[in-house]
Amino acid sequence: ARDSRIERNVADLAKLRFEPVQNASDGQMSKSAMKKLAAKEAKAQKKAERAGKRGQQAQLITQPPEDDPVKERYGDTGLIQSQTVSGRTWDRIETLDAKSDGKEVMLRCRLQTSRGKGKSAFLVLRQGCSTVQAVLFVDDVNVSKTMVKYATQIPKESVLDVGGVVSVPEAAIQSCSQSEVEIAVNSIRCVSRADPLPFELSDAVRPESVTEEEAETGTQFARVNQDTRLDNRFIDLRTPANQAIFRIQSGVCALFRESLMSQNFVEIHTPKLIGGASEGGASVFKLEYMSDYPSLKQSACLAQSPQLYKQMAICADLEKVFEIGPVFRAENSFTHRHLCEFTGLDMEMQINEHYFEVLDVLDNLFVTMFDGLNERFAPELKAVQHQYPFEPLEYLRPSLRLPFEEGIKMLQDAGFDVDPLGDLSTETERELGRLVKEKYKTDFYMLHRYPLAARPFYTMPTADDPRYTCSFDIFIRGEEIISGAQRIHDPELLAERAEACGIDVATIASYIDSFRYGAPPHGGCGVGLERVVMLFLGLNNIRKTSMFPRDPKRLAP
């Protein structure tokens, strides 16, 4: 728009016509009038030249002028359409340290910030969680004055190709993750220009609590609220803390898979479109299957759990199975820990004698996972800690296994009125977590042998006391992450328990029938990935650990 205004001004000036001032007596122009006309024309010419120069300077935003001696070193690239394969190597910012001194590098990165100062410019370049300072100083060999101006005019968050030489500055660059080094830029090209942002990333990286600087100065800095973040999630995810959270989440999946496969589990993939509710009840997303074809149309829903299929896999002699996949719950819940769609980490296995065999596997799994996260993701944990301070998770080896009756006694001794044969509320779960932390010094524990009234119909009752079951929940920081049990594998007992719970056996006949052809004793559980990451990192809302969360009100982006 600015360029077009300048062009119009130049054109308008070019069209100017000055009427001569004539002598009233003979119709000739006076000497004085001629001087004024010449001065006016000269002034108009200078104005037109200045406007033209401004137009040329405006073009420097994208391309260098032809007479720039370093014009080959900067300017916007054309659209990359897979035209060539140059063999060029791009480097990673996180690999740069003092040992890289003198190395020639090429970075595909984002421009986080830029600052011009006379004949120099200072840029902060970012890849994921890693940042490095880049500097330009005019020397007319590698960097010209217009190249510096070009660099400082590039919008923040634009994608760049930056070439240069790594050097070790006299003082550490405290504002960057690669504080030991900086890059002396000798080429810079903009690959993709960013439009104005809906919010500043500098505001999005601030801790939610009041900072020391705010407390000392009495100044309240801007912050970005949750809805604005989620509406623009593709930008919000660029912050160091979010980059770290989803790398850690990836690590949880990798460690879950590694641990179980090392124990001879088989990964399976079960259907998410099913003909009935996978766990019964009304909290299902219903849909018309093949609705465009009347002869094929039937009611269906999105799977609430892969449990039925896991159990079928055990009956098919796969022995030990696991799955990582989406789970759908149509629950009208607006809490900090519930979502309508989340990623389930599910496992099921044969047992020989006791459901403690399942707990043995889970104990090994989670200790391995916690160790792996602390060892492999130290920089990411530090990045999360910077924005969302948390206490590192404490856990025991082996993990604490607490009978439900003992947990009830701990609550009662602390003054809580709880039903010994009922389920725990969210409040009492949290309080029990606090008591366990005080007594056993652990944030992670297993509560087992739940009352029959607190578990689903398919949970195996205990042999010594029919009021209890062979079941367990697992907790992190006082919040449940796992619910599991030994399943009933006897079809008659399964039908009996279903009737006792008021379930029409005819509606689950196919489920019961799957155990009529020889079913080994088995047990398993389901884990919510987002909840595990939230609690491991001590975050206050599960939406922080869901890349694009789905709750009762949110379906976009």
Protein backbone atom coordinates (compact mmCIF):
# COMPACT_ATOMS: atom_id res chain seq x y z
CA ALA A 1 0.00 0.00 0.00
CA ARG A 2 2.86 2.33 0.90
CA ASP A 3 4.60 1.59 -2.42
CA SER A 4 1.48 2.38 -4.43
CA ARG A 5 1.02 5.71 -2.60
CA ILE A 6 4.60 6.68 -3.42
CA GLU A 7 4.11 5.75 -7.09
CA ARG A 8 0.93 7.84 -7.26
CA ASN A 9 2.77 10.83 -5.72
CA VAL A 10 5.57 10.54 -8.26
CA ALA A 11 3.06 10.32 -11.12
CA ASP A 12 1.10 13.31 -9.83
CA LEU A 13 4.27 15.39 -9.55
CA ALA A 14 5.27 14.44 -13.10
CA LYS A 15 1.94 15.75 -14.43
CA LEU A 16 2.28 19.18 -12.82
CA ARG A 17 2.09 22.08 -15.25
CA PHE A 18 3.06 25.57 -14.11
CA GLU A 19 1.34 28.51 -15.80
CA PRO A 20 3.84 31.32 -16.56
CA VAL A 21 3.31 34.71 -14.94
CA GLN A 22 3.09 37.24 -17.75
CA ASN A 23 3.86 40.99 -17.80
CA ALA A 24 0.55 42.80 -17.82
CA SER A 25 1.73 45.40 -20.40
CA ASP A 26 3.35 43.29 -23.14
CA GLY A 27 2.22 39.77 -22.26
CA GLN A 28 5.87 38.66 -21.69
CA MET A 29 7.07 36.84 -18.52
CA SER A 30 9.05 39.02 -16.14
CA LYS A 31 12.56 38.06 -14.97
CA SER A 32 11.28 37.74 -11.43
CA ALA A 33 8.47 35.43 -12.54
CA MET A 34 10.91 33.32 -14.55
CA LYS A 35 13.17 32.90 -11.49
CA LYS A 36 10.19 31.88 -9.35
CA LEU A 37 9.07 29.39 -11.99
CA ALA A 38 12.55 27.87 -12.25
CA ALA A 39 12.79 27.55 -8.46
CA LYS A 40 9.36 25.97 -8.29
CA GLU A 41 10.23 23.46 -11.03
CA ALA A 42 13.53 22.62 -9.31
CA LYS A 43 11.74 22.08 -6.01
CA ALA A 44 9.17 19.82 -7.69
CA GLN A 45 11.98 17.87 -9.36
CA LYS A 46 13.75 17.32 -6.03
CA LYS A 47 10.49 16.23 -4.42
CA ALA A 48 9.92 13.74 -7.21
CA GLU A 49 13.47 12.40 -6.83
CA ARG A 50 13.04 12.01 -3.06
CA ALA A 51 9.75 10.17 -3.60
CA GLY A 52 11.43 7.92 -6.13
CA LYS A 53 14.23 7.13 -3.70
CA ARG A 54 11.68 6.30 -1.00
CA GLY A 55 10.07 3.91 -3.46
CA GLN A 56 13.44 2.26 -4.09
CA GLN A 57 14.13 2.03 -0.37
CA ALA A 58 10.72 0.47 0.24
CA GLN A 59 11.67 -2.28 -2.22
CA LEU A 60 14.61 -3.15 0.03
CA ILE A 61 12.12 -4.88 2.31
CA THR A 62 12.10 -7.82 -0.08
CA GLN A 63 15.00 -7.44 -2.55
CA PRO A 64 18.39 -5.65 -2.65
CA PRO A 65 19.16 -2.88 -5.19
CA GLU A 66 21.16 -3.83 -8.28
CA ASP A 67 24.13 -1.65 -7.30
CA ASP A 68 24.61 -3.32 -3.88
CA PRO A 69 28.00 -5.11 -3.92
CA VAL A 70 26.64 -7.90 -1.66
CA LYS A 71 23.26 -8.22 -3.37
CA GLU A 72 23.75 -11.99 -3.84
CA ARG A 73 23.84 -12.47 -0.06
CA TYR A 74 20.32 -11.38 0.86
CA GLY A 75 16.74 -10.96 -0.31
CA ASP A 76 13.54 -12.97 -0.24
CA THR A 77 13.65 -16.39 -1.88
CA GLY A 78 11.17 -17.36 -4.53
CA LEU A 79 8.46 -19.84 -3.72
CA ILE A 80 10.06 -23.19 -2.96
CA GLN A 81 8.35 -25.73 -5.20
CA SER A 82 10.81 -28.66 -5.10
CA GLN A 83 12.60 -27.37 -8.21
CA THR A 84 16.16 -28.36 -7.26
CA VAL A 85 18.21 -30.52 -4.90
CA SER A 86 21.32 -28.50 -4.05
CA GLY A 87 23.02 -30.95 -1.68
CA ARG A 88 23.33 -28.12 0.84
CA THR A 89 23.40 -29.11 4.53
CA TRP A 90 21.34 -27.27 7.11
CA ASP A 91 22.52 -27.18 10.72
CA ARG A 92 20.70 -27.44 14.04
CA ILE A 93 20.92 -24.62 16.58
CA GLU A 94 20.94 -27.00 19.57
CA THR A 95 24.22 -28.54 18.34
CA LEU A 96 26.12 -25.21 18.44
CA ASP A 97 28.53 -24.67 21.33
CA ALA A 98 32.04 -23.38 21.99
CA LYS A 99 33.48 -26.34 20.07
CA SER A 100 31.72 -24.99 16.95
CA ASP A 101 33.91 -21.84 16.93
CA GLY A 102 34.85 -20.98 13.35
CA LYS A 103 32.36 -23.38 11.78
CA GLU A 104 30.42 -22.24 8.71
CA VAL A 105 26.71 -22.95 9.24
CA MET A 106 23.40 -22.64 7.41
CA LEU A 107 20.20 -22.47 9.47
CA ARG A 108 16.55 -22.76 8.48
CA CYS A 109 14.97 -20.95 11.42
CA ARG A 110 12.48 -18.39 12.65
CA LEU A 111 13.27 -14.78 13.43
CA GLN A 112 12.33 -14.36 17.07
CA THR A 113 13.50 -10.75 17.53
CA SER A 114 15.59 -8.17 15.69
CA ARG A 115 17.23 -4.93 16.68
CA GLY A 116 19.08 -2.46 14.47
CA LYS A 117 21.76 -0.11 15.76
CA GLY A 118 23.52 2.13 13.24
CA LYS A 119 25.53 -0.08 10.91
CA SER A 120 24.78 -3.25 12.87
CA ALA A 121 21.89 -5.58 13.61
CA PHE A 122 21.28 -8.18 16.31
CA LEU A 123 18.87 -11.05 15.64
CA VAL A 124 17.65 -13.92 17.77
CA LEU A 125 17.07 -17.05 15.67
CA ARG A 126 14.96 -19.98 16.86
CA GLN A 127 14.49 -23.65 16.05
CA GLY A 128 12.02 -25.38 18.36
CA CYS A 129 13.25 -24.78 21.92
CA SER A 130 16.72 -23.57 20.88
CA THR A 131 17.83 -19.98 20.22
CA VAL A 132 21.06 -18.30 19.15
CA GLN A 133 22.12 -14.69 18.59
CA ALA A 134 23.11 -13.64 15.06
CA VAL A 135 24.94 -10.37 14.32
CA LEU A 136 25.49 -8.27 11.20
CA PHE A 137 28.14 -5.53 10.96
CA VAL A 138 28.57 -3.44 7.80
CA ASP A 139 31.87 -4.14 6.03
CA ASP A 140 30.72 -3.99 2.37
CA VAL A 141 32.36 -7.37 1.82
CA ASN A 142 29.87 -9.71 3.48
CA VAL A 143 27.38 -7.15 4.83
CA SER A 144 26.19 -3.85 3.40
CA LYS A 145 24.16 -1.11 5.01
CA THR A 146 21.08 -2.05 2.98
CA MET A 147 21.56 -5.71 3.98
CA VAL A 148 21.41 -4.63 7.65
CA LYS A 149 18.27 -2.65 6.93
CA TYR A 150 16.74 -5.62 5.11
CA ALA A 151 17.42 -7.87 8.10
CA THR A 152 15.84 -5.48 10.60
CA GLN A 153 12.72 -5.00 8.45
CA ILE A 154 11.85 -8.71 8.32
CA PRO A 155 8.73 -9.35 10.43
CA LYS A 156 9.10 -11.40 13.60
CA GLU A 157 8.30 -15.13 13.26
CA SER A 158 9.22 -15.15 9.57
CA VAL A 159 11.05 -18.24 8.28
CA LEU A 160 14.66 -17.56 7.25
CA ASP A 161 17.73 -19.18 5.76
CA VAL A 162 20.69 -17.67 7.60
CA GLY A 163 24.31 -18.44 6.79
CA GLY A 164 27.30 -17.40 8.84
CA VAL A 165 30.31 -18.31 10.93
CA VAL A 166 30.05 -19.41 14.56
CA SER A 167 32.12 -17.39 17.02
CA VAL A 168 32.53 -17.26 20.79
CA PRO A 169 31.62 -13.82 22.20
CA GLU A 170 33.49 -12.22 25.09
CA ALA A 171 30.41 -12.42 27.31
CA ALA A 172 27.77 -15.16 27.35
CA ILE A 173 24.48 -14.37 25.58
CA GLN A 174 22.19 -14.97 28.54
CA SER A 175 18.99 -14.38 26.55
CA CYS A 176 19.63 -17.40 24.26
CA SER A 177 19.74 -21.11 24.92
CA GLN A 178 23.09 -21.36 23.06
CA SER A 179 24.70 -18.77 25.32
CA GLU A 180 28.31 -19.71 24.47
CA VAL A 181 28.18 -18.71 20.82
CA GLU A 182 26.83 -16.26 18.27
CA ILE A 183 26.73 -16.26 14.48
CA ALA A 184 28.42 -13.66 12.28
CA VAL A 185 25.92 -13.51 9.43
CA ASN A 186 27.17 -13.50 5.84
CA SER A 187 23.86 -14.35 4.13
CA ILE A 188 20.21 -13.98 5.03
CA ARG A 189 17.15 -14.81 2.99
CA CYS A 190 13.50 -14.75 3.95
CA VAL A 191 11.70 -17.96 2.94
CA SER A 192 8.25 -17.08 4.31
CA ARG A 193 7.13 -13.72 5.69
CA ALA A 194 4.87 -13.64 8.74
CA ASP A 195 1.79 -11.44 8.92
CA PRO A 196 1.22 -9.39 12.11
CA LEU A 197 0.70 -11.80 15.01
CA PRO A 198 -2.55 -12.03 17.01
CA PHE A 199 -0.44 -11.78 20.15
CA GLU A 200 3.21 -11.28 21.05
CA LEU A 201 5.13 -14.46 21.80
CA SER A 202 6.99 -12.50 24.48
CA ASP A 203 3.65 -12.19 26.29
CA ALA A 204 2.83 -15.88 25.73
CA VAL A 205 6.05 -17.10 27.40
CA ARG A 206 5.49 -15.29 30.69
CA PRO A 207 4.81 -17.35 33.83
CA GLU A 208 1.19 -17.30 34.94
CA SER A 209 2.17 -16.16 38.43
CA VAL A 210 3.53 -12.70 39.23
CA THR A 211 7.24 -12.44 38.41
CA GLU A 212 9.88 -10.93 40.68
CA GLU A 213 10.25 -7.96 38.35
CA GLU A 214 6.49 -7.29 38.49
CA ALA A 215 6.51 -7.54 42.28
CA GLU A 216 9.49 -5.18 42.61
CA THR A 217 8.30 -2.56 40.11
CA GLY A 218 4.56 -2.85 40.68
CA THR A 219 4.11 -3.20 36.90
CA GLN A 220 1.68 -5.75 35.47
CA PHE A 221 2.94 -7.26 32.21
CA ALA A 222 0.59 -8.54 29.53
CA ARG A 223 -0.31 -12.23 29.38
CA VAL A 224 -2.24 -14.31 26.85
CA ASN A 225 -5.37 -16.02 28.14
CA GLN A 226 -6.17 -19.67 27.50
CA ASP A 227 -8.91 -19.16 24.91
CA THR A 228 -6.74 -16.81 22.83
CA ARG A 229 -3.93 -19.33 22.97
CA LEU A 230 -6.16 -22.21 21.88
CA ASP A 231 -7.83 -20.16 19.12
CA ASN A 232 -4.34 -19.54 17.71
CA ARG A 233 -2.77 -22.81 18.82
CA PHE A 234 -0.49 -23.06 15.79
CA ILE A 235 1.27 -19.92 17.08
CA ASP A 236 0.98 -20.72 20.79
CA LEU A 237 2.77 -24.04 20.17
CA ARG A 238 5.89 -22.11 19.15
CA THR A 239 6.69 -21.07 22.73
CA PRO A 240 9.62 -22.92 24.36
CA ALA A 241 7.39 -24.43 27.07
CA ASN A 242 4.89 -25.81 24.55
CA GLN A 243 7.65 -27.10 22.31
CA ALA A 244 9.01 -28.91 25.36
CA ILE A 245 5.63 -30.25 26.54
CA PHE A 246 4.89 -32.01 23.27
CA ARG A 247 8.40 -33.39 22.94
CA ILE A 248 7.98 -34.82 26.44
CA GLN A 249 4.56 -36.20 25.43
CA SER A 250 6.22 -37.91 22.47
CA GLY A 251 8.74 -39.32 24.90
CA VAL A 252 5.99 -40.78 27.10
CA CYS A 253 4.59 -42.69 24.10
CA ALA A 254 8.05 -43.89 23.05
CA LEU A 255 8.92 -45.08 26.56
CA PHE A 256 5.50 -46.73 26.99
CA ARG A 257 6.06 -48.64 23.75
CA GLU A 258 9.70 -49.49 24.49
CA SER A 259 8.97 -50.81 27.98
CA LEU A 260 6.07 -53.03 26.96
CA MET A 261 7.74 -54.38 23.82
CA SER A 262 10.77 -55.29 25.91
CA GLN A 263 8.38 -57.45 27.96
CA ASN A 264 7.05 -59.22 24.84
CA PHE A 265 3.86 -57.20 24.39
CA VAL A 266 2.33 -56.92 20.92
CA GLU A 267 1.08 -53.56 19.65
CA ILE A 268 -2.44 -53.75 18.21
CA HIS A 269 -4.81 -51.31 16.49
CA THR A 270 -8.49 -51.62 17.26
CA PRO A 271 -11.53 -50.03 15.52
CA LYS A 272 -12.83 -46.66 16.67
CA LEU A 273 -16.16 -47.00 14.81
CA ILE A 274 -18.32 -49.53 16.66
CA GLY A 275 -21.92 -50.65 16.66
CA GLY A 276 -22.58 -49.98 20.35
CA ALA A 277 -21.13 -48.24 23.39
CA SER A 278 -17.81 -49.88 24.29
CA GLU A 279 -18.29 -49.26 28.00
CA GLY A 280 -22.08 -48.88 28.10
CA GLY A 281 -23.89 -45.75 29.21
CA ALA A 282 -24.95 -42.59 27.40
CA SER A 283 -21.60 -40.75 27.18
CA VAL A 284 -20.95 -41.73 23.59
CA PHE A 285 -20.68 -39.82 20.34
CA LYS A 286 -23.45 -41.33 18.20
CA LEU A 287 -23.51 -41.28 14.42
CA GLU A 288 -25.29 -42.79 11.43
CA TYR A 289 -23.03 -45.32 9.76
CA MET A 290 -23.23 -45.28 5.92
CA SER A 291 -26.12 -42.81 6.14
CA ASP A 292 -26.00 -42.04 2.39
CA TYR A 293 -26.89 -45.65 1.57
CA PRO A 294 -30.34 -46.58 3.00
CA SER A 295 -29.81 -50.33 2.63
CA LEU A 296 -26.57 -50.13 4.65
CA LYS A 297 -27.45 -47.46 7.20
CA GLN A 298 -27.13 -48.37 10.89
CA SER A 299 -26.45 -46.66 14.20
CA ALA A 300 -22.87 -46.48 15.42
CA CYS A 301 -20.68 -44.57 17.85
CA LEU A 302 -17.08 -43.59 18.46
CA ALA A 303 -15.20 -45.97 20.76
CA GLN A 304 -14.96 -44.98 24.42
CA SER A 305 -12.31 -47.64 25.04
CA PRO A 306 -10.51 -50.48 23.24
CA GLN A 307 -11.17 -52.80 26.17
CA LEU A 308 -13.48 -55.29 24.40
CA TYR A 309 -11.00 -55.69 21.56
CA LYS A 310 -8.04 -56.00 23.92
CA GLN A 311 -9.85 -58.82 25.71
CA MET A 312 -10.69 -60.48 22.37
CA ALA A 313 -6.99 -60.31 21.49
CA ILE A 314 -6.18 -62.14 24.74
CA CYS A 315 -8.80 -64.78 23.88
CA ALA A 316 -7.08 -65.04 20.48
CA ASP A 317 -3.85 -66.05 22.31
CA LEU A 318 -1.85 -62.88 21.68
CA GLU A 319 -1.17 -63.07 25.46
CA LYS A 320 0.09 -59.49 25.99
CA VAL A 321 -1.14 -56.53 23.98
CA PHE A 322 -1.09 -52.73 24.06
CA GLU A 323 -2.43 -49.85 22.00
CA ILE A 324 -1.84 -46.12 21.67
CA GLY A 325 -4.91 -44.51 20.11
CA PRO A 326 -7.76 -41.98 20.38
CA VAL A 327 -10.54 -42.34 22.93
CA PHE A 328 -13.86 -40.47 22.74
CA ARG A 329 -16.06 -39.50 25.71
CA ALA A 330 -19.17 -37.36 25.23
CA GLU A 331 -19.07 -36.06 28.79
CA ASN A 332 -20.43 -32.64 29.65
CA SER A 333 -17.46 -31.97 31.89
CA PHE A 334 -15.55 -28.68 32.16
CA THR A 335 -12.94 -29.69 34.73
CA HIS A 336 -9.20 -29.13 34.52
CA ARG A 337 -8.59 -32.84 33.80
CA HIS A 338 -11.32 -34.01 31.39
CA LEU A 339 -11.45 -33.96 27.59
CA CYS A 340 -13.96 -35.27 25.06
CA GLU A 341 -11.13 -36.75 23.00
CA PHE A 342 -7.81 -37.91 24.39
CA THR A 343 -5.04 -40.38 23.62
CA GLY A 344 -5.32 -43.68 25.44
CA LEU A 345 -2.36 -45.82 26.44
CA ASP A 346 -3.99 -49.22 26.93
CA MET A 347 -2.59 -52.62 27.87
CA GLU A 348 -4.05 -56.09 28.55
CA MET A 349 -2.28 -59.31 29.50
CA GLN A 350 -2.81 -62.89 30.57
CA ILE A 351 -2.18 -63.59 34.25
CA ASN A 352 -1.25 -66.90 35.78
CA GLU A 353 -2.36 -66.44 39.38
CA HIS A 354 -2.86 -62.87 40.60
CA TYR A 355 -3.64 -59.39 39.31
CA PHE A 356 -0.42 -58.24 41.00
CA GLU A 357 1.26 -59.55 37.86
CA VAL A 358 -0.33 -56.60 36.03
CA LEU A 359 0.89 -54.24 38.76
CA ASP A 360 4.41 -55.66 38.40
CA VAL A 361 4.39 -54.73 34.70
CA LEU A 362 2.99 -51.26 35.41
CA ASP A 363 5.50 -50.68 38.21
CA ASN A 364 8.37 -51.43 35.86
CA LEU A 365 6.73 -49.42 33.08
CA PHE A 366 6.27 -46.19 35.02
CA VAL A 367 9.59 -46.22 36.86
CA THR A 368 11.28 -46.78 33.48
CA MET A 369 9.19 -43.98 31.98
CA PHE A 370 9.96 -41.47 34.75
CA ASP A 371 13.67 -42.31 34.64
CA GLY A 372 13.67 -42.00 30.86
CA LEU A 373 11.95 -38.61 30.85
CA ASN A 374 14.39 -37.22 33.43
CA GLU A 375 17.41 -38.57 31.54
CA ARG A 376 16.39 -37.89 27.93
CA PHE A 377 14.47 -34.63 28.27
CA ALA A 378 16.43 -32.51 30.76
CA PRO A 379 16.49 -29.39 28.49
CA GLU A 380 12.74 -29.72 27.81
CA LEU A 381 11.97 -30.10 31.52
CA LYS A 382 14.01 -26.95 32.16
CA ALA A 383 12.02 -25.06 29.49
CA VAL A 384 8.70 -26.07 31.08
CA GLN A 385 10.06 -25.25 34.54
CA HIS A 386 10.94 -21.73 33.38
CA GLN A 387 7.33 -20.85 32.48
CA TYR A 388 5.41 -23.28 34.69
CA PRO A 389 7.49 -23.91 37.85
CA PHE A 390 6.91 -27.37 39.37
CA GLU A 391 8.42 -29.76 41.92
CA PRO A 392 10.15 -32.75 40.30
CA LEU A 393 8.10 -35.93 40.68
CA GLU A 394 9.08 -38.17 43.60
CA TYR A 395 8.64 -41.93 43.18
CA LEU A 396 9.81 -45.11 44.92
CA ARG A 397 11.51 -48.31 43.75
CA PRO A 398 9.44 -50.45 43.87
CA SER A 399 6.32 -48.28 43.71
CA LEU A 400 4.07 -48.05 46.74
CA ARG A 401 1.06 -50.43 46.70
CA LEU A 402 -1.56 -49.37 49.19
CA PRO A 403 -4.67 -51.49 49.95
CA PHE A 404 -7.92 -49.53 49.62
CA GLU A 405 -8.81 -50.32 53.27
CA GLU A 406 -5.53 -48.75 54.42
CA GLY A 407 -6.15 -45.66 52.34
CA ILE A 408 -9.62 -45.32 53.91
CA LYS A 409 -8.07 -45.60 57.39
CA MET A 410 -5.53 -42.87 56.59
CA LEU A 411 -8.36 -40.56 55.54
CA GLN A 412 -10.45 -41.39 58.59
CA ASP A 413 -7.49 -40.84 60.91
CA ALA A 414 -7.04 -37.43 59.28
CA GLY A 415 -10.67 -36.55 60.09
CA PHE A 416 -12.39 -37.28 56.78
CA ASP A 417 -15.81 -38.95 56.78
CA VAL A 418 -15.56 -41.51 53.97
CA ASP A 419 -17.62 -44.58 53.07
CA PRO A 420 -15.35 -47.64 53.46
CA LEU A 421 -17.25 -49.49 50.72
CA GLY A 422 -17.78 -46.54 48.38
CA ASP A 423 -15.61 -44.82 45.78
CA LEU A 424 -13.35 -41.89 46.55
CA SER A 425 -14.32 -38.41 45.42
CA THR A 426 -11.93 -36.09 43.62
CA GLU A 427 -11.41 -34.21 46.88
CA THR A 428 -10.63 -37.32 48.94
CA GLU A 429 -8.30 -38.64 46.22
CA ARG A 430 -6.36 -35.40 46.42
CA GLU A 431 -6.26 -35.49 50.22
CA LEU A 432 -5.12 -39.11 50.22
CA GLY A 433 -2.35 -38.14 47.80
CA ARG A 434 -1.23 -35.44 50.23
CA LEU A 435 -1.25 -37.92 53.15
CA VAL A 436 0.67 -40.51 51.14
CA LYS A 437 3.28 -37.89 50.19
CA GLU A 438 3.74 -36.93 53.84
CA LYS A 439 4.03 -40.52 55.07
CA TYR A 440 5.78 -42.33 52.21
CA LYS A 441 7.55 -39.46 50.38
CA THR A 442 6.13 -40.36 46.97
CA ASP A 443 3.91 -38.64 44.39
CA PHE A 444 3.23 -41.93 42.58
CA TYR A 445 1.39 -44.85 44.14
CA MET A 446 -1.03 -47.70 43.48
CA LEU A 447 -4.30 -48.08 45.40
CA HIS A 448 -5.72 -51.58 44.99
CA ARG A 449 -8.57 -53.88 46.08
CA TYR A 450 -11.43 -51.40 45.51
CA PRO A 451 -14.95 -52.12 46.80
CA LEU A 452 -17.29 -54.02 44.46
CA ALA A 453 -19.78 -51.14 44.46
CA ALA A 454 -17.13 -48.77 43.07
CA ARG A 455 -16.15 -50.84 40.01
CA PRO A 456 -17.72 -51.85 36.67
CA PHE A 457 -19.61 -55.14 36.33
CA TYR A 458 -16.77 -56.88 34.48
CA THR A 459 -14.32 -56.51 37.41
CA MET A 460 -13.34 -59.78 39.12
CA PRO A 461 -14.51 -59.99 42.78
CA THR A 462 -11.97 -61.08 45.39
CA ALA A 463 -12.20 -64.69 46.58
CA ASP A 464 -11.79 -63.94 50.30
CA ASP A 465 -14.35 -61.11 50.57
CA PRO A 466 -17.05 -60.56 47.90
CA ARG A 467 -17.36 -56.92 48.95
CA TYR A 468 -14.02 -56.15 47.26
CA THR A 469 -12.50 -56.63 43.81
CA CYS A 470 -9.20 -57.50 42.12
CA SER A 471 -8.81 -53.93 40.93
CA PHE A 472 -6.57 -50.89 41.23
CA ASP A 473 -6.17 -47.20 40.46
CA ILE A 474 -2.83 -45.46 40.04
CA PHE A 475 -2.22 -41.86 41.10
CA ILE A 476 0.23 -39.05 40.36
CA ARG A 477 0.19 -36.02 42.68
CA GLY A 478 -3.17 -37.09 44.14
CA GLU A 479 -4.97 -37.45 40.79
CA GLU A 480 -5.97 -40.70 39.11
CA ILE A 481 -4.21 -41.62 35.87
CA ILE A 482 -5.13 -45.32 35.62
CA SER A 483 -8.11 -47.49 36.40
CA GLY A 484 -7.59 -51.22 35.92
CA ALA A 485 -8.40 -54.70 37.16
CA GLN A 486 -8.50 -58.40 36.58
CA ARG A 487 -11.45 -58.91 34.21
CA ILE A 488 -14.11 -61.57 34.66
CA HIS A 489 -13.30 -64.23 32.06
CA ASP A 490 -16.09 -66.67 33.03
CA PRO A 491 -19.25 -65.98 30.93
CA GLU A 492 -21.72 -67.14 33.62
CA LEU A 493 -20.17 -64.98 36.35
CA LEU A 494 -20.00 -62.08 33.87
CA ALA A 495 -23.74 -62.39 33.11
CA GLU A 496 -24.52 -62.65 36.82
CA ARG A 497 -22.58 -59.47 37.62
CA ALA A 498 -24.19 -57.62 34.72
CA GLU A 499 -27.67 -58.48 36.01
CA ALA A 500 -26.68 -57.43 39.53
CA CYS A 501 -25.66 -54.03 38.14
CA GLY A 502 -29.00 -53.62 36.34
CA ILE A 503 -27.62 -54.21 32.84
CA ASP A 504 -29.79 -56.02 30.27
CA VAL A 505 -27.66 -59.05 29.41
CA ALA A 506 -29.14 -59.17 25.89
CA THR A 507 -27.47 -55.82 25.09
CA ILE A 508 -24.00 -57.21 25.86
CA ALA A 509 -24.52 -60.77 24.59
CA SER A 510 -21.71 -60.52 22.03
CA TYR A 511 -19.29 -59.37 24.74
CA ILE A 512 -20.22 -62.28 27.03
CA ASP A 513 -20.13 -64.79 24.17
CA SER A 514 -16.52 -63.88 23.39
CA PHE A 515 -15.50 -65.75 26.56
CA ARG A 516 -17.38 -69.00 25.82
CA TYR A 517 -14.64 -70.67 23.82
CA GLY A 518 -11.88 -70.79 26.39
CA ALA A 519 -10.69 -67.53 27.91
CA PRO A 520 -7.47 -67.26 29.93
CA PRO A 521 -7.45 -65.21 33.15
CA HIS A 522 -6.38 -61.68 32.26
CA GLY A 523 -6.25 -58.08 33.39
CA GLY A 524 -5.32 -54.65 32.13
CA CYS A 525 -5.85 -50.94 32.30
CA GLY A 526 -6.17 -47.70 30.39
CA VAL A 527 -3.97 -44.62 30.82
CA GLY A 528 -4.72 -41.08 29.64
CA LEU A 529 -1.62 -39.73 27.90
CA GLU A 530 -2.48 -36.05 28.36
CA ARG A 531 -3.21 -36.58 32.05
CA VAL A 532 0.10 -38.38 32.65
CA VAL A 533 2.04 -35.51 31.03
CA MET A 534 -0.01 -32.87 32.89
CA LEU A 535 0.65 -34.43 36.29
CA PHE A 536 4.28 -35.38 35.67
CA LEU A 537 4.93 -31.70 34.85
CA GLY A 538 2.68 -30.38 37.63
CA LEU A 539 0.53 -28.38 35.18
CA ASN A 540 -2.86 -27.02 36.20
CA ASN A 541 -4.93 -27.82 33.11
CA ILE A 542 -5.05 -30.78 30.72
CA ARG A 543 -5.59 -28.42 27.78
CA LYS A 544 -1.92 -27.50 28.10
CA THR A 545 -0.97 -31.09 27.22
CA SER A 546 -3.49 -31.61 24.40
CA MET A 547 -2.16 -30.26 21.12
CA PHE A 548 -5.63 -29.30 19.82
CA PRO A 549 -7.98 -29.99 22.75
CA ARG A 550 -11.58 -31.10 22.35
CA ASP A 551 -13.91 -30.27 25.22
CA PRO A 552 -17.70 -29.78 25.28
CA LYS A 553 -17.37 -26.33 23.66
CA ARG A 554 -14.24 -26.57 21.51
CA LEU A 555 -14.08 -28.19 18.06
CA ALA A 556 -11.54 -25.87 16.40
CA PRO A 557 -8.87 -25.39 15.30
